[in-house]
Amino acid sequence: MKARNGRRPGGADVVETAKQKPMRIEILDAAAEIIVREGYDACTMRAVAALVDMKAGSLYYHFRSKDEIVEEILNQGIETLYARVAGTIRDLPKEAPFAQRLSAAVGVHIASLVGKDQKYMHVYEHLPPTIKRRSRKMREKYAQLWHDLFAGGIASGEADAAHDLRLLVPYFLGGLNRVPEWSRASGASSEQIAELAVATLLDGIGARQ
């Protein structure tokens, strides 16, 4: 039986067995549900414990703090997003043009952010900036995936090499990540939003002559 080392309040070691792992997932799910439904401030250790039918003190055997719970939610959400986008790009034919690769990646990214079943990914928009930064390492890994995608387009001559990818990638991802904030009000589908994002990036918004 696999075990995972953790810490009890006060610093004592605690071993988390494979049997306990589902409870961690249940706690993460509960915290994500509270944040999405009621906001970050409403997600207290007591509120999470109540939702999973556990004494508040017992929650500390699984997580040391609310921030630790939120950080794991963020990391798992980004890991899932990374796996989906990377898998989509990898499954395309090797000869697929840059525009097709970009369109596929954008489509998966947006669909993942607005999909009703992706609770972990919805948490991000409800968090204060200081908490969002806790997932920096995973976000950097995900940004590198997009950096490589754009670099491939430049290498093949399909994308303009004049653009600094250190600016372009965060600019583009920053826009995509704000989609959940306004997409519901617009009534647009994830497909429509993805098409708009790709078209404006590749063709711009200037009037065609």
C-alpha atoms as a PDB file:
ATOM      1  CA  MET A   1       0.000   0.000   0.000  1.00  0.00           C
ATOM      2  CA  LYS A   2       1.458   3.346  -1.031  1.00  0.00           C
ATOM      3  CA  ALA A   3       1.783   6.070   1.541  1.00  0.00           C
ATOM      4  CA  ARG A   4       2.188   9.786   1.245  1.00  0.00           C
ATOM      5  CA  ASN A   5       3.961  11.787   3.900  1.00  0.00           C
ATOM      6  CA  GLY A   6       2.169  14.813   5.271  1.00  0.00           C
ATOM      7  CA  ARG A   7       2.241  17.045   8.323  1.00  0.00           C
ATOM      8  CA  ARG A   8      -0.109  17.281  11.265  1.00  0.00           C
ATOM      9  CA  PRO A   9      -0.770  20.581  13.009  1.00  0.00           C
ATOM     10  CA  GLY A  10       2.293  21.416  15.047  1.00  0.00           C
ATOM     11  CA  GLY A  11       4.636  19.728  12.588  1.00  0.00           C
ATOM     12  CA  ALA A  12       4.211  16.042  13.491  1.00  0.00           C
ATOM     13  CA  ASP A  13       4.469  13.620  10.606  1.00  0.00           C
ATOM     14  CA  VAL A  14       1.357  11.880   9.379  1.00  0.00           C
ATOM     15  CA  VAL A  15       1.209   9.119   6.779  1.00  0.00           C
ATOM     16  CA  GLU A  16      -1.523   9.336   4.192  1.00  0.00           C
ATOM     17  CA  THR A  17      -2.376   5.911   2.811  1.00  0.00           C
ATOM     18  CA  ALA A  18      -3.972   5.097  -0.508  1.00  0.00           C
ATOM     19  CA  LYS A  19      -7.292   4.620   1.294  1.00  0.00           C
ATOM     20  CA  GLN A  20      -7.218   8.237   2.466  1.00  0.00           C
ATOM     21  CA  LYS A  21      -6.578   9.715  -0.969  1.00  0.00           C
ATOM     22  CA  PRO A  22     -10.260   9.761  -2.030  1.00  0.00           C
ATOM     23  CA  MET A  23     -10.969  11.945   1.004  1.00  0.00           C
ATOM     24  CA  ARG A  24      -8.412  14.486  -0.229  1.00  0.00           C
ATOM     25  CA  ILE A  25     -10.209  14.567  -3.571  1.00  0.00           C
ATOM     26  CA  GLU A  26     -13.556  14.975  -1.805  1.00  0.00           C
ATOM     27  CA  ILE A  27     -12.121  17.911   0.154  1.00  0.00           C
ATOM     28  CA  LEU A  28     -10.750  19.539  -3.003  1.00  0.00           C
ATOM     29  CA  ASP A  29     -14.099  19.095  -4.756  1.00  0.00           C
ATOM     30  CA  ALA A  30     -15.942  20.639  -1.820  1.00  0.00           C
ATOM     31  CA  ALA A  31     -13.610  23.631  -1.636  1.00  0.00           C
ATOM     32  CA  ALA A  32     -13.876  24.220  -5.379  1.00  0.00           C
ATOM     33  CA  GLU A  33     -17.666  24.043  -5.181  1.00  0.00           C
ATOM     34  CA  ILE A  34     -17.790  26.634  -2.396  1.00  0.00           C
ATOM     35  CA  ILE A  35     -15.421  29.022  -4.180  1.00  0.00           C
ATOM     36  CA  VAL A  36     -17.294  28.850  -7.485  1.00  0.00           C
ATOM     37  CA  ARG A  37     -20.708  29.139  -5.835  1.00  0.00           C
ATOM     38  CA  GLU A  38     -20.041  31.610  -3.011  1.00  0.00           C
ATOM     39  CA  GLY A  39     -16.591  33.105  -3.547  1.00  0.00           C
ATOM     40  CA  TYR A  40     -13.123  32.699  -2.101  1.00  0.00           C
ATOM     41  CA  ASP A  41     -13.863  34.285   1.283  1.00  0.00           C
ATOM     42  CA  ALA A  42     -16.725  31.843   1.902  1.00  0.00           C
ATOM     43  CA  CYS A  43     -14.362  28.903   1.522  1.00  0.00           C
ATOM     44  CA  THR A  44     -13.253  28.432   5.116  1.00  0.00           C
ATOM     45  CA  MET A  45     -11.875  25.262   6.639  1.00  0.00           C
ATOM     46  CA  ARG A  46     -15.059  24.997   8.678  1.00  0.00           C
ATOM     47  CA  ALA A  47     -17.262  25.359   5.585  1.00  0.00           C
ATOM     48  CA  VAL A  48     -15.288  22.715   3.699  1.00  0.00           C
ATOM     49  CA  ALA A  49     -15.412  20.335   6.662  1.00  0.00           C
ATOM     50  CA  ALA A  50     -19.168  20.764   6.924  1.00  0.00           C
ATOM     51  CA  LEU A  51     -19.652  19.989   3.238  1.00  0.00           C
ATOM     52  CA  VAL A  52     -17.709  16.732   3.483  1.00  0.00           C
ATOM     53  CA  ASP A  53     -19.347  15.863   6.815  1.00  0.00           C
ATOM     54  CA  MET A  54     -16.116  16.036   8.798  1.00  0.00           C
ATOM     55  CA  LYS A  55     -15.052  17.747  11.996  1.00  0.00           C
ATOM     56  CA  ALA A  56     -13.123  20.932  11.230  1.00  0.00           C
ATOM     57  CA  GLY A  57     -10.127  19.721  13.249  1.00  0.00           C
ATOM     58  CA  SER A  58      -9.938  16.485  11.267  1.00  0.00           C
ATOM     59  CA  LEU A  59      -9.498  18.448   8.046  1.00  0.00           C
ATOM     60  CA  TYR A  60      -5.995  19.432   9.162  1.00  0.00           C
ATOM     61  CA  TYR A  61      -4.855  15.818   8.874  1.00  0.00           C
ATOM     62  CA  HIS A  62      -5.253  16.202   5.117  1.00  0.00           C
ATOM     63  CA  PHE A  63      -4.394  19.863   4.517  1.00  0.00           C
ATOM     64  CA  ARG A  64      -2.565  22.365   6.697  1.00  0.00           C
ATOM     65  CA  SER A  65      -4.580  25.374   5.562  1.00  0.00           C
ATOM     66  CA  LYS A  66      -7.192  26.712   3.200  1.00  0.00           C
ATOM     67  CA  ASP A  67      -4.441  28.157   1.004  1.00  0.00           C
ATOM     68  CA  GLU A  68      -2.880  24.713   0.639  1.00  0.00           C
ATOM     69  CA  ILE A  69      -6.232  23.359  -0.545  1.00  0.00           C
ATOM     70  CA  VAL A  70      -6.646  26.157  -3.060  1.00  0.00           C
ATOM     71  CA  GLU A  71      -3.091  25.770  -4.334  1.00  0.00           C
ATOM     72  CA  GLU A  72      -3.665  22.073  -5.018  1.00  0.00           C
ATOM     73  CA  ILE A  73      -6.945  22.863  -6.798  1.00  0.00           C
ATOM     74  CA  LEU A  74      -5.131  25.365  -9.015  1.00  0.00           C
ATOM     75  CA  ASN A  75      -2.283  22.986  -9.805  1.00  0.00           C
ATOM     76  CA  GLN A  76      -4.599  20.089 -10.603  1.00  0.00           C
ATOM     77  CA  GLY A  77      -6.711  22.323 -12.816  1.00  0.00           C
ATOM     78  CA  ILE A  78      -3.696  23.506 -14.785  1.00  0.00           C
ATOM     79  CA  GLU A  79      -2.277  19.973 -14.987  1.00  0.00           C
ATOM     80  CA  THR A  80      -5.544  18.788 -16.496  1.00  0.00           C
ATOM     81  CA  LEU A  81      -5.559  21.695 -18.940  1.00  0.00           C
ATOM     82  CA  TYR A  82      -1.941  21.035 -19.897  1.00  0.00           C
ATOM     83  CA  ALA A  83      -2.647  17.348 -20.530  1.00  0.00           C
ATOM     84  CA  ARG A  84      -5.677  18.122 -22.694  1.00  0.00           C
ATOM     85  CA  VAL A  85      -3.996  20.765 -24.854  1.00  0.00           C
ATOM     86  CA  ALA A  86      -0.727  18.842 -25.175  1.00  0.00           C
ATOM     87  CA  GLY A  87      -2.625  15.678 -26.079  1.00  0.00           C
ATOM     88  CA  THR A  88      -4.679  17.486 -28.695  1.00  0.00           C
ATOM     89  CA  ILE A  89      -1.589  18.937 -30.356  1.00  0.00           C
ATOM     90  CA  ARG A  90       0.221  15.596 -30.191  1.00  0.00           C
ATOM     91  CA  ASP A  91      -2.687  13.771 -31.851  1.00  0.00           C
ATOM     92  CA  LEU A  92      -2.663  16.032 -34.901  1.00  0.00           C
ATOM     93  CA  PRO A  93      -0.840  14.822 -38.016  1.00  0.00           C
ATOM     94  CA  LYS A  94       2.824  15.832 -38.048  1.00  0.00           C
ATOM     95  CA  GLU A  95       2.207  17.774 -41.240  1.00  0.00           C
ATOM     96  CA  ALA A  96      -0.694  19.766 -39.735  1.00  0.00           C
ATOM     97  CA  PRO A  97      -0.221  23.483 -40.466  1.00  0.00           C
ATOM     98  CA  PHE A  98       0.368  25.966 -37.671  1.00  0.00           C
ATOM     99  CA  ALA A  99      -3.109  27.477 -38.038  1.00  0.00           C
ATOM    100  CA  GLN A 100      -4.694  24.070 -37.464  1.00  0.00           C
ATOM    101  CA  ARG A 101      -2.520  23.399 -34.418  1.00  0.00           C
ATOM    102  CA  LEU A 102      -3.310  26.808 -32.971  1.00  0.00           C
ATOM    103  CA  SER A 103      -7.030  26.434 -33.615  1.00  0.00           C
ATOM    104  CA  ALA A 104      -7.113  23.009 -31.966  1.00  0.00           C
ATOM    105  CA  ALA A 105      -5.185  24.214 -28.920  1.00  0.00           C
ATOM    106  CA  VAL A 106      -7.352  27.308 -28.482  1.00  0.00           C
ATOM    107  CA  GLY A 107     -10.525  25.264 -28.860  1.00  0.00           C
ATOM    108  CA  VAL A 108      -9.522  22.832 -26.107  1.00  0.00           C
ATOM    109  CA  HIS A 109      -8.319  25.630 -23.809  1.00  0.00           C
ATOM    110  CA  ILE A 110     -11.562  27.586 -24.049  1.00  0.00           C
ATOM    111  CA  ALA A 111     -13.818  24.529 -23.890  1.00  0.00           C
ATOM    112  CA  SER A 112     -12.001  23.437 -20.732  1.00  0.00           C
ATOM    113  CA  LEU A 113     -12.429  26.819 -19.071  1.00  0.00           C
ATOM    114  CA  VAL A 114     -16.140  27.189 -19.775  1.00  0.00           C
ATOM    115  CA  GLY A 115     -17.162  23.522 -19.538  1.00  0.00           C
ATOM    116  CA  LYS A 116     -19.607  22.958 -16.695  1.00  0.00           C
ATOM    117  CA  ASP A 117     -17.826  19.789 -15.614  1.00  0.00           C
ATOM    118  CA  GLN A 118     -14.494  21.543 -15.117  1.00  0.00           C
ATOM    119  CA  LYS A 119     -15.000  22.895 -11.597  1.00  0.00           C
ATOM    120  CA  TYR A 120     -11.296  23.170 -10.767  1.00  0.00           C
ATOM    121  CA  MET A 121     -10.694  25.394 -13.771  1.00  0.00           C
ATOM    122  CA  HIS A 122     -13.541  27.719 -12.804  1.00  0.00           C
ATOM    123  CA  VAL A 123     -11.954  28.432  -9.432  1.00  0.00           C
ATOM    124  CA  TYR A 124      -9.214  30.654 -10.883  1.00  0.00           C
ATOM    125  CA  GLU A 125     -11.508  33.524 -11.828  1.00  0.00           C
ATOM    126  CA  HIS A 126     -12.825  33.786  -8.256  1.00  0.00           C
ATOM    127  CA  LEU A 127      -9.444  34.157  -6.547  1.00  0.00           C
ATOM    128  CA  PRO A 128      -7.544  37.278  -5.458  1.00  0.00           C
ATOM    129  CA  PRO A 129      -4.296  37.993  -7.398  1.00  0.00           C
ATOM    130  CA  THR A 130      -2.037  36.972  -4.501  1.00  0.00           C
ATOM    131  CA  ILE A 131      -3.602  33.510  -4.429  1.00  0.00           C
ATOM    132  CA  LYS A 132      -3.520  33.106  -8.203  1.00  0.00           C
ATOM    133  CA  ARG A 133       0.254  33.483  -8.104  1.00  0.00           C
ATOM    134  CA  ARG A 134       0.577  30.327  -5.994  1.00  0.00           C
ATOM    135  CA  SER A 135       0.258  28.198  -9.136  1.00  0.00           C
ATOM    136  CA  ARG A 136       3.149  30.029 -10.842  1.00  0.00           C
ATOM    137  CA  LYS A 137       5.286  26.970 -11.608  1.00  0.00           C
ATOM    138  CA  MET A 138       2.465  25.044 -13.266  1.00  0.00           C
ATOM    139  CA  ARG A 139       1.378  28.150 -15.180  1.00  0.00           C
ATOM    140  CA  GLU A 140       4.925  28.607 -16.440  1.00  0.00           C
ATOM    141  CA  LYS A 141       4.980  24.993 -17.618  1.00  0.00           C
ATOM    142  CA  TYR A 142       1.692  25.526 -19.426  1.00  0.00           C
ATOM    143  CA  ALA A 143       2.894  28.786 -20.963  1.00  0.00           C
ATOM    144  CA  GLN A 144       5.962  26.961 -22.281  1.00  0.00           C
ATOM    145  CA  LEU A 145       3.656  24.600 -24.164  1.00  0.00           C
ATOM    146  CA  TRP A 146       2.198  27.592 -26.004  1.00  0.00           C
ATOM    147  CA  HIS A 147       5.627  29.141 -26.471  1.00  0.00           C
ATOM    148  CA  ASP A 148       6.731  25.952 -28.231  1.00  0.00           C
ATOM    149  CA  LEU A 149       3.576  25.967 -30.358  1.00  0.00           C
ATOM    150  CA  PHE A 150       4.237  29.514 -31.568  1.00  0.00           C
ATOM    151  CA  ALA A 151       7.951  28.826 -32.001  1.00  0.00           C
ATOM    152  CA  GLY A 152       7.038  25.909 -34.263  1.00  0.00           C
ATOM    153  CA  GLY A 153       4.954  28.244 -36.399  1.00  0.00           C
ATOM    154  CA  ILE A 154       7.848  30.670 -36.673  1.00  0.00           C
ATOM    155  CA  ALA A 155      10.288  27.883 -37.548  1.00  0.00           C
ATOM    156  CA  SER A 156       8.021  26.699 -40.368  1.00  0.00           C
ATOM    157  CA  GLY A 157       7.616  30.228 -41.711  1.00  0.00           C
ATOM    158  CA  GLU A 158       3.878  30.280 -40.955  1.00  0.00           C
ATOM    159  CA  ALA A 159       4.125  32.817 -38.125  1.00  0.00           C
ATOM    160  CA  ASP A 160       5.879  36.183 -38.076  1.00  0.00           C
ATOM    161  CA  ALA A 161       9.283  35.946 -36.415  1.00  0.00           C
ATOM    162  CA  ALA A 162       9.200  39.676 -35.618  1.00  0.00           C
ATOM    163  CA  HIS A 163       7.023  39.131 -32.541  1.00  0.00           C
ATOM    164  CA  ASP A 164       8.672  38.576 -29.165  1.00  0.00           C
ATOM    165  CA  LEU A 165       7.173  35.369 -27.798  1.00  0.00           C
ATOM    166  CA  ARG A 166       7.987  36.481 -24.248  1.00  0.00           C
ATOM    167  CA  LEU A 167       5.311  39.135 -24.799  1.00  0.00           C
ATOM    168  CA  LEU A 168       3.001  37.413 -27.252  1.00  0.00           C
ATOM    169  CA  VAL A 169       2.399  34.219 -25.247  1.00  0.00           C
ATOM    170  CA  PRO A 170       1.337  35.853 -21.939  1.00  0.00           C
ATOM    171  CA  TYR A 171      -0.679  38.452 -23.867  1.00  0.00           C
ATOM    172  CA  PHE A 172      -2.569  35.769 -25.774  1.00  0.00           C
ATOM    173  CA  LEU A 173      -3.081  33.435 -22.822  1.00  0.00           C
ATOM    174  CA  GLY A 174      -4.137  36.345 -20.633  1.00  0.00           C
ATOM    175  CA  GLY A 175      -6.948  37.088 -23.064  1.00  0.00           C
ATOM    176  CA  LEU A 176      -8.046  33.460 -23.285  1.00  0.00           C
ATOM    177  CA  ASN A 177      -8.081  33.091 -19.521  1.00  0.00           C
ATOM    178  CA  ARG A 178     -10.540  35.976 -19.149  1.00  0.00           C
ATOM    179  CA  VAL A 179     -13.104  34.245 -21.370  1.00  0.00           C
ATOM    180  CA  PRO A 180     -15.168  32.755 -18.487  1.00  0.00           C
ATOM    181  CA  GLU A 181     -15.745  36.258 -17.090  1.00  0.00           C
ATOM    182  CA  TRP A 182     -17.696  37.468 -20.109  1.00  0.00           C
ATOM    183  CA  SER A 183     -18.594  34.461 -22.254  1.00  0.00           C
ATOM    184  CA  ARG A 184     -21.756  33.592 -20.326  1.00  0.00           C
ATOM    185  CA  ALA A 185     -23.152  37.092 -20.747  1.00  0.00           C
ATOM    186  CA  SER A 186     -22.383  37.114 -24.473  1.00  0.00           C
ATOM    187  CA  GLY A 187     -24.172  33.840 -25.100  1.00  0.00           C
ATOM    188  CA  ALA A 188     -21.418  32.805 -27.514  1.00  0.00           C
ATOM    189  CA  SER A 189     -20.399  29.173 -27.754  1.00  0.00           C
ATOM    190  CA  SER A 190     -16.863  28.049 -26.986  1.00  0.00           C
ATOM    191  CA  GLU A 191     -16.440  27.287 -30.702  1.00  0.00           C
ATOM    192  CA  GLN A 192     -17.390  30.847 -31.685  1.00  0.00           C
ATOM    193  CA  ILE A 193     -14.996  32.306 -29.143  1.00  0.00           C
ATOM    194  CA  ALA A 194     -12.168  30.039 -30.286  1.00  0.00           C
ATOM    195  CA  GLU A 195     -12.735  31.032 -33.918  1.00  0.00           C
ATOM    196  CA  LEU A 196     -12.636  34.710 -32.958  1.00  0.00           C
ATOM    197  CA  ALA A 197      -9.421  34.291 -30.966  1.00  0.00           C
ATOM    198  CA  VAL A 198      -7.625  32.472 -33.763  1.00  0.00           C
ATOM    199  CA  ALA A 199      -8.891  34.767 -36.516  1.00  0.00           C
ATOM    200  CA  THR A 200      -7.896  37.967 -34.732  1.00  0.00           C
ATOM    201  CA  LEU A 201      -4.472  36.560 -33.906  1.00  0.00           C
ATOM    202  CA  LEU A 202      -3.717  35.324 -37.415  1.00  0.00           C
ATOM    203  CA  ASP A 203      -5.524  37.944 -39.497  1.00  0.00           C
ATOM    204  CA  GLY A 204      -5.880  40.959 -37.202  1.00  0.00           C
ATOM    205  CA  ILE A 205      -8.950  43.209 -37.136  1.00  0.00           C
ATOM    206  CA  GLY A 206      -8.024  45.657 -39.849  1.00  0.00           C
ATOM    207  CA  ALA A 207     -10.473  46.073 -42.728  1.00  0.00           C
ATOM    208  CA  ARG A 208      -9.600  43.864 -45.654  1.00  0.00           C
ATOM    209  CA  GLN A 209      -8.850  45.652 -48.878  1.00  0.00           C
END
